Amino acid sequence: MSDKSKGLLKKMCFVLEIVRGVCLISVVLSIGLSLFYAFNKDVYNTLFGSIRIDFLQLMFKDDAALYKDNMSMWLPILFLLIAILVFIIYKSVQTIESICTITMDHTPFDVRVADHIKNLAKYILVSGIVFNILEVCRVMYFKQIINFDLLFNSKYVTQIKFDIRFELSFLIFAALIYLLSYIFRYGQELQQLSDETL
């Protein structure tokens, strides 16, 4: 491998290490917020005066439009799911960092690289599933905590709907990464055959 390629891989490893650190801090913060909201029920009475739904932020004059008991059940679950998703991203970044390190020290056509790429496909698959579960919980959260009858008791708004948007593109991406692991495994076999021939 050329010095230029090694230099690029070193820079990539440095960036991945920073991203991995940010992910780890985010996991700890999300778990902390989940525990804080799970065990501190009084915070719901003082903290929330508005709710953001995507690009729409609803500001409340009083607490009558919010079901705070339902909020105390759903908010810790949402933060816990976010922590799980970010932890999977952390493991994915760690796997990519391992691939870069192996490639820098040896050749990209190594059995360990193929195994790491296969693990990366599994992480993508699991993260897609967790993301869709998070989407369902997010919609359920908003349906459970807002008193729509009281909030939209006017002649302008008659109904509000929350559509669950399932993201399935992760299946294609995971399948492509999984196939890539077999390409690297085949490349490793060709490399080994070439080395034995020489």
N, C-alpha and C. Protein backbone atom coordinates (compact mmCIF):
# COMPACT_ATOMS: atom_id res chain seq x y z
N MET A 1 0.84 -1.19 0.00
CA MET A 1 0.00 0.00 0.00
C MET A 1 0.89 1.25 0.00
N SER A 2 0.50 2.23 -0.78
CA SER A 2 1.30 3.45 -0.90
C SER A 2 1.18 4.30 0.37
N ASP A 3 2.15 5.21 0.52
CA ASP A 3 2.15 6.10 1.69
C ASP A 3 0.95 7.04 1.68
N LYS A 4 0.52 7.44 0.48
CA LYS A 4 -0.64 8.34 0.37
C LYS A 4 -1.90 7.64 0.89
N SER A 5 -2.07 6.36 0.49
CA SER A 5 -3.24 5.61 0.94
C SER A 5 -3.20 5.39 2.45
N LYS A 6 -2.01 5.10 2.98
CA LYS A 6 -1.89 4.93 4.43
C LYS A 6 -2.21 6.22 5.16
N GLY A 7 -1.76 7.35 4.60
CA GLY A 7 -2.07 8.64 5.22
C GLY A 7 -3.56 8.92 5.24
N LEU A 8 -4.25 8.60 4.14
CA LEU A 8 -5.71 8.80 4.09
C LEU A 8 -6.42 7.89 5.10
N LEU A 9 -5.94 6.65 5.22
CA LEU A 9 -6.55 5.73 6.18
C LEU A 9 -6.32 6.19 7.62
N LYS A 10 -5.14 6.76 7.88
CA LYS A 10 -4.86 7.28 9.24
C LYS A 10 -5.80 8.44 9.56
N LYS A 11 -6.01 9.33 8.58
CA LYS A 11 -6.94 10.46 8.80
C LYS A 11 -8.36 9.95 9.02
N MET A 12 -8.74 8.93 8.24
CA MET A 12 -10.08 8.37 8.40
C MET A 12 -10.24 7.72 9.77
N CYS A 13 -9.21 7.02 10.22
CA CYS A 13 -9.26 6.40 11.55
C CYS A 13 -9.39 7.47 12.64
N PHE A 14 -8.71 8.60 12.46
CA PHE A 14 -8.78 9.69 13.43
C PHE A 14 -10.20 10.26 13.50
N VAL A 15 -10.81 10.48 12.33
CA VAL A 15 -12.19 11.01 12.27
C VAL A 15 -13.16 10.00 12.88
N LEU A 16 -12.96 8.71 12.56
CA LEU A 16 -13.84 7.68 13.10
C LEU A 16 -13.72 7.58 14.62
N GLU A 17 -12.51 7.80 15.13
CA GLU A 17 -12.33 7.77 16.59
C GLU A 17 -13.10 8.90 17.27
N ILE A 18 -13.11 10.07 16.63
CA ILE A 18 -13.87 11.21 17.17
C ILE A 18 -15.38 10.90 17.13
N VAL A 19 -15.85 10.35 15.99
CA VAL A 19 -17.27 10.02 15.85
C VAL A 19 -17.66 8.96 16.89
N ARG A 20 -16.77 7.99 17.10
CA ARG A 20 -17.04 6.94 18.08
C ARG A 20 -17.15 7.53 19.49
N GLY A 21 -16.29 8.49 19.82
CA GLY A 21 -16.36 9.15 21.12
C GLY A 21 -17.66 9.93 21.30
N VAL A 22 -18.07 10.64 20.25
CA VAL A 22 -19.34 11.39 20.31
C VAL A 22 -20.52 10.43 20.49
N CYS A 23 -20.47 9.30 19.79
CA CYS A 23 -21.55 8.30 19.93
C CYS A 23 -21.60 7.75 21.35
N LEU A 24 -20.44 7.49 21.92
CA LEU A 24 -20.41 6.94 23.28
C LEU A 24 -20.97 7.94 24.30
N ILE A 25 -20.60 9.21 24.13
CA ILE A 25 -21.14 10.26 25.01
C ILE A 25 -22.66 10.37 24.83
N SER A 26 -23.13 10.26 23.57
CA SER A 26 -24.57 10.34 23.31
C SER A 26 -25.32 9.18 23.93
N VAL A 27 -24.72 7.98 23.90
CA VAL A 27 -25.36 6.81 24.52
C VAL A 27 -25.52 7.04 26.02
N VAL A 28 -24.44 7.52 26.65
CA VAL A 28 -24.48 7.75 28.11
C VAL A 28 -25.53 8.81 28.45
N LEU A 29 -25.57 9.90 27.66
CA LEU A 29 -26.55 10.97 27.92
C LEU A 29 -27.99 10.48 27.71
N SER A 30 -28.20 9.68 26.66
CA SER A 30 -29.56 9.17 26.40
C SER A 30 -30.02 8.24 27.51
N ILE A 31 -29.13 7.36 27.97
CA ILE A 31 -29.49 6.47 29.07
C ILE A 31 -29.74 7.28 30.35
N GLY A 32 -28.91 8.30 30.57
CA GLY A 32 -29.10 9.18 31.74
C GLY A 32 -30.44 9.89 31.69
N LEU A 33 -30.82 10.42 30.51
CA LEU A 33 -32.11 11.09 30.38
C LEU A 33 -33.27 10.11 30.54
N SER A 34 -33.08 8.89 30.03
CA SER A 34 -34.12 7.88 30.19
C SER A 34 -34.35 7.56 31.66
N LEU A 35 -33.27 7.38 32.40
CA LEU A 35 -33.39 7.10 33.84
C LEU A 35 -33.95 8.30 34.60
N PHE A 36 -33.52 9.51 34.20
CA PHE A 36 -33.98 10.73 34.86
C PHE A 36 -35.48 10.88 34.70
N TYR A 37 -35.99 10.70 33.48
CA TYR A 37 -37.42 10.85 33.24
C TYR A 37 -38.22 9.68 33.80
N ALA A 38 -37.58 8.50 33.93
CA ALA A 38 -38.29 7.35 34.49
C ALA A 38 -38.50 7.48 35.99
N PHE A 39 -37.52 8.03 36.71
CA PHE A 39 -37.60 8.07 38.17
C PHE A 39 -37.95 9.43 38.75
N ASN A 40 -38.02 10.46 37.92
CA ASN A 40 -38.33 11.80 38.42
C ASN A 40 -39.65 12.26 37.78
N LYS A 41 -40.75 11.89 38.38
CA LYS A 41 -42.07 12.18 37.81
C LYS A 41 -42.47 13.64 37.94
N ASP A 42 -41.87 14.35 38.89
CA ASP A 42 -42.25 15.76 39.11
C ASP A 42 -41.78 16.68 37.99
N VAL A 43 -40.77 16.26 37.24
CA VAL A 43 -40.21 17.13 36.20
C VAL A 43 -41.23 17.40 35.09
N TYR A 44 -42.20 16.50 34.90
CA TYR A 44 -43.19 16.69 33.85
C TYR A 44 -44.13 17.84 34.16
N ASN A 45 -44.28 18.17 35.44
CA ASN A 45 -45.17 19.26 35.82
C ASN A 45 -44.56 20.63 35.60
N THR A 46 -43.23 20.71 35.54
CA THR A 46 -42.58 22.02 35.43
C THR A 46 -41.87 22.23 34.11
N LEU A 47 -41.51 21.14 33.42
CA LEU A 47 -40.60 21.27 32.29
C LEU A 47 -41.29 21.50 30.96
N PHE A 48 -42.44 20.89 30.77
CA PHE A 48 -43.03 20.87 29.43
C PHE A 48 -44.14 21.89 29.29
N GLY A 49 -43.94 22.82 28.37
CA GLY A 49 -44.97 23.78 28.02
C GLY A 49 -45.21 23.77 26.52
N SER A 50 -44.42 22.96 25.81
CA SER A 50 -44.57 22.86 24.36
C SER A 50 -44.12 21.48 23.92
N ILE A 51 -44.59 21.07 22.76
CA ILE A 51 -44.23 19.79 22.17
C ILE A 51 -43.85 20.05 20.72
N ARG A 52 -42.71 19.49 20.29
CA ARG A 52 -42.31 19.60 18.88
C ARG A 52 -42.65 18.30 18.17
N ILE A 53 -43.41 18.42 17.08
CA ILE A 53 -43.74 17.29 16.22
C ILE A 53 -43.15 17.60 14.84
N ASP A 54 -42.01 16.97 14.54
CA ASP A 54 -41.26 17.25 13.32
C ASP A 54 -40.99 18.77 13.23
N PHE A 55 -41.61 19.45 12.25
CA PHE A 55 -41.36 20.88 12.09
C PHE A 55 -42.40 21.74 12.80
N LEU A 56 -43.39 21.11 13.40
CA LEU A 56 -44.47 21.84 14.07
C LEU A 56 -44.21 21.86 15.56
N GLN A 57 -44.21 23.06 16.15
CA GLN A 57 -44.07 23.16 17.60
C GLN A 57 -45.37 23.71 18.17
N LEU A 58 -45.95 22.94 19.08
CA LEU A 58 -47.21 23.32 19.72
C LEU A 58 -46.90 23.95 21.07
N MET A 59 -47.36 25.19 21.27
CA MET A 59 -47.18 25.90 22.53
C MET A 59 -48.51 25.87 23.29
N PHE A 60 -48.44 25.53 24.56
CA PHE A 60 -49.66 25.36 25.36
C PHE A 60 -49.80 26.49 26.37
N LYS A 61 -51.03 27.00 26.51
CA LYS A 61 -51.29 28.03 27.51
C LYS A 61 -51.32 27.43 28.91
N ASP A 62 -51.82 26.21 29.02
CA ASP A 62 -51.84 25.53 30.31
C ASP A 62 -51.56 24.05 30.06
N ASP A 63 -51.62 23.24 31.11
CA ASP A 63 -51.29 21.83 31.00
C ASP A 63 -52.49 20.96 30.64
N ALA A 64 -53.62 21.57 30.36
CA ALA A 64 -54.82 20.77 30.12
C ALA A 64 -54.72 19.97 28.83
N ALA A 65 -53.89 20.42 27.90
CA ALA A 65 -53.79 19.74 26.61
C ALA A 65 -52.80 18.58 26.64
N LEU A 66 -52.11 18.37 27.76
CA LEU A 66 -51.11 17.30 27.87
C LEU A 66 -51.52 16.27 28.91
N TYR A 67 -51.33 15.01 28.56
CA TYR A 67 -51.50 13.93 29.52
C TYR A 67 -50.12 13.61 30.09
N LYS A 68 -49.80 14.19 31.22
CA LYS A 68 -48.45 14.03 31.76
C LYS A 68 -48.17 12.61 32.27
N ASP A 69 -49.21 11.90 32.69
CA ASP A 69 -49.00 10.52 33.13
C ASP A 69 -48.54 9.64 31.98
N ASN A 70 -49.15 9.83 30.81
CA ASN A 70 -48.73 9.07 29.63
C ASN A 70 -47.32 9.47 29.19
N MET A 71 -47.00 10.75 29.35
CA MET A 71 -45.67 11.23 28.99
C MET A 71 -44.60 10.56 29.84
N SER A 72 -44.90 10.38 31.13
CA SER A 72 -43.91 9.78 32.02
C SER A 72 -43.65 8.31 31.69
N MET A 73 -44.55 7.69 30.94
CA MET A 73 -44.33 6.31 30.53
C MET A 73 -43.57 6.24 29.20
N TRP A 74 -43.90 7.10 28.25
CA TRP A 74 -43.35 6.99 26.91
C TRP A 74 -41.99 7.65 26.74
N LEU A 75 -41.74 8.76 27.41
CA LEU A 75 -40.49 9.49 27.21
C LEU A 75 -39.25 8.68 27.59
N PRO A 76 -39.22 7.96 28.72
CA PRO A 76 -38.05 7.12 29.00
C PRO A 76 -37.83 6.02 27.96
N ILE A 77 -38.93 5.47 27.44
CA ILE A 77 -38.80 4.44 26.41
C ILE A 77 -38.17 5.01 25.15
N LEU A 78 -38.60 6.21 24.76
CA LEU A 78 -38.02 6.84 23.57
C LEU A 78 -36.53 7.10 23.73
N PHE A 79 -36.14 7.63 24.90
CA PHE A 79 -34.71 7.88 25.12
C PHE A 79 -33.91 6.59 25.17
N LEU A 80 -34.49 5.53 25.70
CA LEU A 80 -33.80 4.24 25.73
C LEU A 80 -33.61 3.68 24.32
N LEU A 81 -34.62 3.80 23.48
CA LEU A 81 -34.49 3.35 22.09
C LEU A 81 -33.46 4.17 21.33
N ILE A 82 -33.41 5.48 21.61
CA ILE A 82 -32.38 6.33 20.99
C ILE A 82 -31.00 5.88 21.43
N ALA A 83 -30.85 5.54 22.71
CA ALA A 83 -29.56 5.06 23.22
C ALA A 83 -29.15 3.77 22.53
N ILE A 84 -30.10 2.85 22.31
CA ILE A 84 -29.80 1.59 21.64
C ILE A 84 -29.38 1.85 20.19
N LEU A 85 -30.09 2.75 19.51
CA LEU A 85 -29.75 3.08 18.12
C LEU A 85 -28.36 3.70 18.01
N VAL A 86 -28.05 4.62 18.90
CA VAL A 86 -26.73 5.27 18.87
C VAL A 86 -25.63 4.27 19.23
N PHE A 87 -25.92 3.32 20.13
CA PHE A 87 -24.93 2.30 20.47
C PHE A 87 -24.64 1.40 19.26
N ILE A 88 -25.66 1.09 18.47
CA ILE A 88 -25.44 0.30 17.25
C ILE A 88 -24.59 1.10 16.26
N ILE A 89 -24.83 2.40 16.17
CA ILE A 89 -24.00 3.25 15.32
C ILE A 89 -22.56 3.26 15.83
N TYR A 90 -22.40 3.31 17.16
CA TYR A 90 -21.07 3.25 17.78
C TYR A 90 -20.34 1.96 17.37
N LYS A 91 -21.05 0.82 17.46
CA LYS A 91 -20.43 -0.46 17.09
C LYS A 91 -20.10 -0.50 15.60
N SER A 92 -20.93 0.11 14.76
CA SER A 92 -20.66 0.16 13.32
C SER A 92 -19.41 0.97 13.03
N VAL A 93 -19.29 2.12 13.68
CA VAL A 93 -18.11 2.96 13.50
C VAL A 93 -16.86 2.23 13.99
N GLN A 94 -16.98 1.53 15.10
CA GLN A 94 -15.85 0.75 15.63
C GLN A 94 -15.43 -0.34 14.63
N THR A 95 -16.40 -0.96 13.98
CA THR A 95 -16.11 -1.99 12.97
C THR A 95 -15.40 -1.39 11.77
N ILE A 96 -15.87 -0.23 11.30
CA ILE A 96 -15.22 0.43 10.16
C ILE A 96 -13.80 0.83 10.53
N GLU A 97 -13.62 1.29 11.77
CA GLU A 97 -12.28 1.64 12.24
C GLU A 97 -11.35 0.42 12.25
N SER A 98 -11.88 -0.74 12.65
CA SER A 98 -11.09 -1.97 12.63
C SER A 98 -10.71 -2.37 11.21
N ILE A 99 -11.64 -2.19 10.27
CA ILE A 99 -11.35 -2.49 8.86
C ILE A 99 -10.22 -1.59 8.35
N CYS A 100 -10.27 -0.32 8.70
CA CYS A 100 -9.21 0.61 8.27
C CYS A 100 -7.86 0.22 8.86
N THR A 101 -7.85 -0.17 10.13
CA THR A 101 -6.59 -0.55 10.79
C THR A 101 -6.00 -1.81 10.16
N ILE A 102 -6.85 -2.81 9.89
CA ILE A 102 -6.36 -4.04 9.26
C ILE A 102 -5.84 -3.74 7.86
N THR A 103 -6.56 -2.92 7.11
CA THR A 103 -6.15 -2.57 5.76
C THR A 103 -4.83 -1.81 5.75
N MET A 104 -4.64 -0.96 6.76
CA MET A 104 -3.41 -0.18 6.85
C MET A 104 -2.21 -1.07 7.15
N ASP A 105 -2.41 -2.06 8.01
CA ASP A 105 -1.29 -2.92 8.43
C ASP A 105 -1.05 -4.08 7.47
N HIS A 106 -2.09 -4.57 6.82
CA HIS A 106 -1.94 -5.74 5.95
C HIS A 106 -2.48 -5.41 4.56
N THR A 107 -3.39 -6.23 4.10
CA THR A 107 -4.04 -6.03 2.81
C THR A 107 -5.55 -5.98 3.03
N PRO A 108 -6.30 -5.33 2.14
CA PRO A 108 -7.75 -5.31 2.33
C PRO A 108 -8.39 -6.69 2.16
N PHE A 109 -7.69 -7.56 1.44
CA PHE A 109 -8.23 -8.91 1.22
C PHE A 109 -7.73 -9.83 2.32
N ASP A 110 -8.35 -9.66 3.48
CA ASP A 110 -8.03 -10.44 4.67
C ASP A 110 -9.33 -11.03 5.20
N VAL A 111 -9.24 -12.21 5.80
CA VAL A 111 -10.45 -12.86 6.33
C VAL A 111 -11.11 -11.98 7.39
N ARG A 112 -10.30 -11.29 8.19
CA ARG A 112 -10.87 -10.44 9.25
C ARG A 112 -11.67 -9.29 8.67
N VAL A 113 -11.21 -8.75 7.52
CA VAL A 113 -11.96 -7.65 6.87
C VAL A 113 -13.32 -8.16 6.41
N ALA A 114 -13.34 -9.35 5.80
CA ALA A 114 -14.61 -9.92 5.34
C ALA A 114 -15.55 -10.17 6.53
N ASP A 115 -15.00 -10.64 7.65
CA ASP A 115 -15.83 -10.86 8.85
C ASP A 115 -16.37 -9.55 9.40
N HIS A 116 -15.53 -8.52 9.41
CA HIS A 116 -15.98 -7.21 9.90
C HIS A 116 -17.06 -6.62 8.99
N ILE A 117 -16.92 -6.82 7.69
CA ILE A 117 -17.94 -6.30 6.76
C ILE A 117 -19.26 -7.04 6.97
N LYS A 118 -19.18 -8.35 7.23
CA LYS A 118 -20.41 -9.11 7.52
C LYS A 118 -21.06 -8.61 8.81
N ASN A 119 -20.25 -8.31 9.83
CA ASN A 119 -20.78 -7.74 11.08
C ASN A 119 -21.42 -6.38 10.83
N LEU A 120 -20.81 -5.60 9.94
CA LEU A 120 -21.36 -4.28 9.61
C LEU A 120 -22.75 -4.42 8.97
N ALA A 121 -22.92 -5.44 8.12
CA ALA A 121 -24.24 -5.69 7.52
C ALA A 121 -25.26 -6.03 8.60
N LYS A 122 -24.85 -6.81 9.60
CA LYS A 122 -25.76 -7.15 10.70
C LYS A 122 -26.13 -5.91 11.50
N TYR A 123 -25.15 -5.03 11.76
CA TYR A 123 -25.44 -3.79 12.49
C TYR A 123 -26.42 -2.91 11.73
N ILE A 124 -26.26 -2.85 10.41
CA ILE A 124 -27.18 -2.04 9.59
C ILE A 124 -28.59 -2.61 9.67
N LEU A 125 -28.69 -3.94 9.62
CA LEU A 125 -30.00 -4.59 9.70
C LEU A 125 -30.67 -4.31 11.04
N VAL A 126 -29.94 -4.48 12.13
CA VAL A 126 -30.50 -4.25 13.47
C VAL A 126 -30.86 -2.79 13.67
N SER A 127 -29.99 -1.88 13.19
CA SER A 127 -30.29 -0.45 13.37
C SER A 127 -31.53 -0.04 12.59
N GLY A 128 -31.75 -0.63 11.42
CA GLY A 128 -32.98 -0.33 10.67
C GLY A 128 -34.22 -0.80 11.40
N ILE A 129 -34.13 -1.98 12.02
CA ILE A 129 -35.26 -2.49 12.80
C ILE A 129 -35.54 -1.59 14.00
N VAL A 130 -34.47 -1.21 14.72
CA VAL A 130 -34.63 -0.34 15.89
C VAL A 130 -35.19 1.02 15.48
N PHE A 131 -34.73 1.55 14.33
CA PHE A 131 -35.23 2.84 13.84
C PHE A 131 -36.73 2.76 13.57
N ASN A 132 -37.20 1.67 12.97
CA ASN A 132 -38.63 1.54 12.70
C ASN A 132 -39.44 1.38 13.98
N ILE A 133 -38.90 0.67 14.96
CA ILE A 133 -39.56 0.57 16.26
C ILE A 133 -39.64 1.95 16.92
N LEU A 134 -38.57 2.72 16.81
CA LEU A 134 -38.54 4.08 17.36
C LEU A 134 -39.58 4.96 16.68
N GLU A 135 -39.77 4.78 15.38
CA GLU A 135 -40.77 5.56 14.65
C GLU A 135 -42.18 5.23 15.15
N VAL A 136 -42.46 3.94 15.36
CA VAL A 136 -43.78 3.53 15.86
C VAL A 136 -44.01 4.10 17.26
N CYS A 137 -42.99 4.00 18.12
CA CYS A 137 -43.11 4.53 19.49
C CYS A 137 -43.29 6.04 19.50
N ARG A 138 -42.63 6.72 18.58
CA ARG A 138 -42.74 8.18 18.51
C ARG A 138 -44.17 8.59 18.17
N VAL A 139 -44.77 7.90 17.21
CA VAL A 139 -46.15 8.21 16.83
C VAL A 139 -47.10 7.88 17.98
N MET A 140 -46.88 6.74 18.61
CA MET A 140 -47.71 6.36 19.76
C MET A 140 -47.58 7.37 20.90
N TYR A 141 -46.36 7.88 21.09
CA TYR A 141 -46.10 8.87 22.14
C TYR A 141 -46.96 10.11 21.93
N PHE A 142 -46.95 10.63 20.71
CA PHE A 142 -47.72 11.85 20.45
C PHE A 142 -49.23 11.60 20.51
N LYS A 143 -49.66 10.41 20.10
CA LYS A 143 -51.08 10.10 20.18
C LYS A 143 -51.54 9.99 21.63
N GLN A 144 -50.67 9.52 22.51
CA GLN A 144 -51.04 9.26 23.90
C GLN A 144 -50.96 10.49 24.80
N ILE A 145 -50.08 11.45 24.46
CA ILE A 145 -49.86 12.54 25.43
C ILE A 145 -50.64 13.81 25.12
N ILE A 146 -51.17 13.95 23.92
CA ILE A 146 -51.84 15.21 23.57
C ILE A 146 -53.35 14.99 23.56
N ASN A 147 -54.04 15.84 24.26
CA ASN A 147 -55.50 15.81 24.30
C ASN A 147 -56.01 16.60 23.09
N PHE A 148 -56.22 15.89 21.98
CA PHE A 148 -56.58 16.55 20.73
C PHE A 148 -57.98 17.15 20.76
N ASP A 149 -58.88 16.53 21.51
CA ASP A 149 -60.24 17.08 21.60
C ASP A 149 -60.23 18.47 22.21
N LEU A 150 -59.41 18.65 23.22
CA LEU A 150 -59.32 19.96 23.87
C LEU A 150 -58.49 20.94 23.05
N LEU A 151 -57.43 20.43 22.43
CA LEU A 151 -56.49 21.30 21.73
C LEU A 151 -57.08 21.84 20.43
N PHE A 152 -57.78 20.99 19.70
CA PHE A 152 -58.28 21.40 18.39
C PHE A 152 -59.79 21.56 18.39
N ASN A 153 -60.33 22.09 19.46
CA ASN A 153 -61.76 22.35 19.55
C ASN A 153 -62.05 23.69 18.87
N SER A 154 -61.97 23.68 17.56
CA SER A 154 -62.21 24.92 16.81
C SER A 154 -62.80 24.57 15.45
N LYS A 155 -63.18 25.57 14.71
CA LYS A 155 -63.76 25.32 13.39
C LYS A 155 -62.69 25.18 12.31
N TYR A 156 -61.41 25.44 12.65
CA TYR A 156 -60.35 25.39 11.65
C TYR A 156 -59.70 24.01 11.55
N VAL A 157 -59.47 23.36 12.67
CA VAL A 157 -58.83 22.04 12.67
C VAL A 157 -59.87 21.01 13.09
N THR A 158 -60.16 20.08 12.20
CA THR A 158 -61.15 19.04 12.51
C THR A 158 -60.50 17.71 12.86
N GLN A 159 -59.33 17.44 12.31
CA GLN A 159 -58.69 16.15 12.56
C GLN A 159 -57.19 16.27 12.33
N ILE A 160 -56.43 15.52 13.10
CA ILE A 160 -54.99 15.44 12.87
C ILE A 160 -54.62 13.96 12.84
N LYS A 161 -53.78 13.60 11.87
CA LYS A 161 -53.40 12.21 11.70
C LYS A 161 -51.88 12.08 11.80
N PHE A 162 -51.45 11.01 12.43
CA PHE A 162 -50.03 10.68 12.50
C PHE A 162 -49.82 9.42 11.67
N ASP A 163 -49.06 9.55 10.60
CA ASP A 163 -48.77 8.39 9.77
C ASP A 163 -47.43 7.81 10.17
N ILE A 164 -47.39 6.51 10.30
CA ILE A 164 -46.13 5.81 10.60
C ILE A 164 -45.42 5.58 9.27
N ARG A 165 -44.18 6.06 9.18
CA ARG A 165 -43.41 5.91 7.95
C ARG A 165 -42.33 4.86 8.19
N PHE A 166 -42.57 3.68 7.67
CA PHE A 166 -41.57 2.62 7.79
C PHE A 166 -40.47 2.84 6.76
N GLU A 167 -39.24 2.71 7.22
CA GLU A 167 -38.07 2.86 6.36
C GLU A 167 -37.53 1.46 6.07
N LEU A 168 -37.57 1.03 4.81
CA LEU A 168 -37.13 -0.31 4.46
C LEU A 168 -35.88 -0.32 3.58
N SER A 169 -35.33 0.84 3.29
CA SER A 169 -34.13 0.88 2.45
C SER A 169 -32.92 0.24 3.14
N PHE A 170 -32.97 0.12 4.47
CA PHE A 170 -31.85 -0.51 5.18
C PHE A 170 -31.69 -1.97 4.78
N LEU A 171 -32.77 -2.63 4.35
CA LEU A 171 -32.69 -4.02 3.93
C LEU A 171 -31.80 -4.17 2.69
N ILE A 172 -31.98 -3.27 1.73
CA ILE A 172 -31.16 -3.30 0.51
C ILE A 172 -29.72 -2.98 0.84
N PHE A 173 -29.51 -1.97 1.68
CA PHE A 173 -28.16 -1.57 2.05
C PHE A 173 -27.44 -2.69 2.80
N ALA A 174 -28.13 -3.35 3.73
CA ALA A 174 -27.53 -4.47 4.47
C ALA A 174 -27.20 -5.63 3.54
N ALA A 175 -28.08 -5.90 2.57
CA ALA A 175 -27.82 -6.99 1.62
C ALA A 175 -26.60 -6.68 0.76
N LEU A 176 -26.46 -5.42 0.33
CA LEU A 176 -25.29 -5.04 -0.47
C LEU A 176 -23.99 -5.17 0.33
N ILE A 177 -24.01 -4.72 1.58
CA ILE A 177 -22.83 -4.85 2.43
C ILE A 177 -22.50 -6.32 2.68
N TYR A 178 -23.53 -7.14 2.86
CA TYR A 178 -23.33 -8.57 3.08
C TYR A 178 -22.69 -9.22 1.86
N LEU A 179 -23.16 -8.86 0.65
CA LEU A 179 -22.55 -9.37 -0.57
C LEU A 179 -21.11 -8.88 -0.72
N LEU A 180 -20.85 -7.67 -0.29
CA LEU A 180 -19.49 -7.13 -0.34
C LEU A 180 -18.53 -7.96 0.52
N SER A 181 -19.03 -8.50 1.64
CA SER A 181 -18.17 -9.34 2.48
C SER A 181 -17.74 -10.60 1.73
N TYR A 182 -18.63 -11.14 0.90
CA TYR A 182 -18.27 -12.32 0.12
C TYR A 182 -17.27 -11.97 -0.99
N ILE A 183 -17.39 -10.78 -1.53
CA ILE A 183 -16.41 -10.33 -2.53
C ILE A 183 -15.03 -10.23 -1.89
N PHE A 184 -14.96 -9.67 -0.68
CA PHE A 184 -13.68 -9.56 0.01
C PHE A 184 -13.14 -10.94 0.41
N ARG A 185 -14.03 -11.85 0.76
CA ARG A 185 -13.60 -13.21 1.10
C ARG A 185 -13.03 -13.92 -0.13
N TYR A 186 -13.69 -13.72 -1.28
CA TYR A 186 -13.18 -14.30 -2.52
C TYR A 186 -11.84 -13.67 -2.90
N GLY A 187 -11.72 -12.36 -2.70
CA GLY A 187 -10.44 -11.69 -2.96
C GLY A 187 -9.33 -12.22 -2.06
N GLN A 188 -9.69 -12.55 -0.82
CA GLN A 188 -8.69 -13.13 0.10
C GLN A 188 -8.24 -14.50 -0.38
N GLU A 189 -9.18 -15.30 -0.91
CA GLU A 189 -8.82 -16.61 -1.43
C GLU A 189 -7.91 -16.49 -2.65
N LEU A 190 -8.21 -15.52 -3.53
CA LEU A 190 -7.34 -15.29 -4.69
C LEU A 190 -5.96 -14.81 -4.26
N GLN A 191 -5.93 -13.95 -3.25
CA GLN A 191 -4.64 -13.45 -2.72
C GLN A 191 -3.83 -14.60 -2.14
N GLN A 192 -4.48 -15.49 -1.41
CA GLN A 192 -3.78 -16.63 -0.82
C GLN A 192 -3.26 -17.58 -1.90
N LEU A 193 -4.07 -17.78 -2.94
CA LEU A 193 -3.65 -18.63 -4.05
C LEU A 193 -2.46 -18.02 -4.78
N SER A 194 -2.50 -16.70 -4.96
CA SER A 194 -1.39 -16.00 -5.61
C SER A 194 -0.11 -16.11 -4.78
N ASP A 195 -0.25 -15.96 -3.44
CA ASP A 195 0.93 -16.06 -2.57
C ASP A 195 1.52 -17.46 -2.58
N GLU A 196 0.65 -18.48 -2.62
CA GLU A 196 1.14 -19.86 -2.65
C GLU A 196 1.81 -20.18 -3.98
N THR A 197 1.30 -19.58 -5.07
CA THR A 197 1.90 -19.81 -6.37
C THR A 197 3.29 -19.21 -6.47
N LEU A 198 3.44 -18.00 -5.87
CA LEU A 198 4.75 -17.35 -5.88
C LEU A 198 5.70 -18.06 -4.92
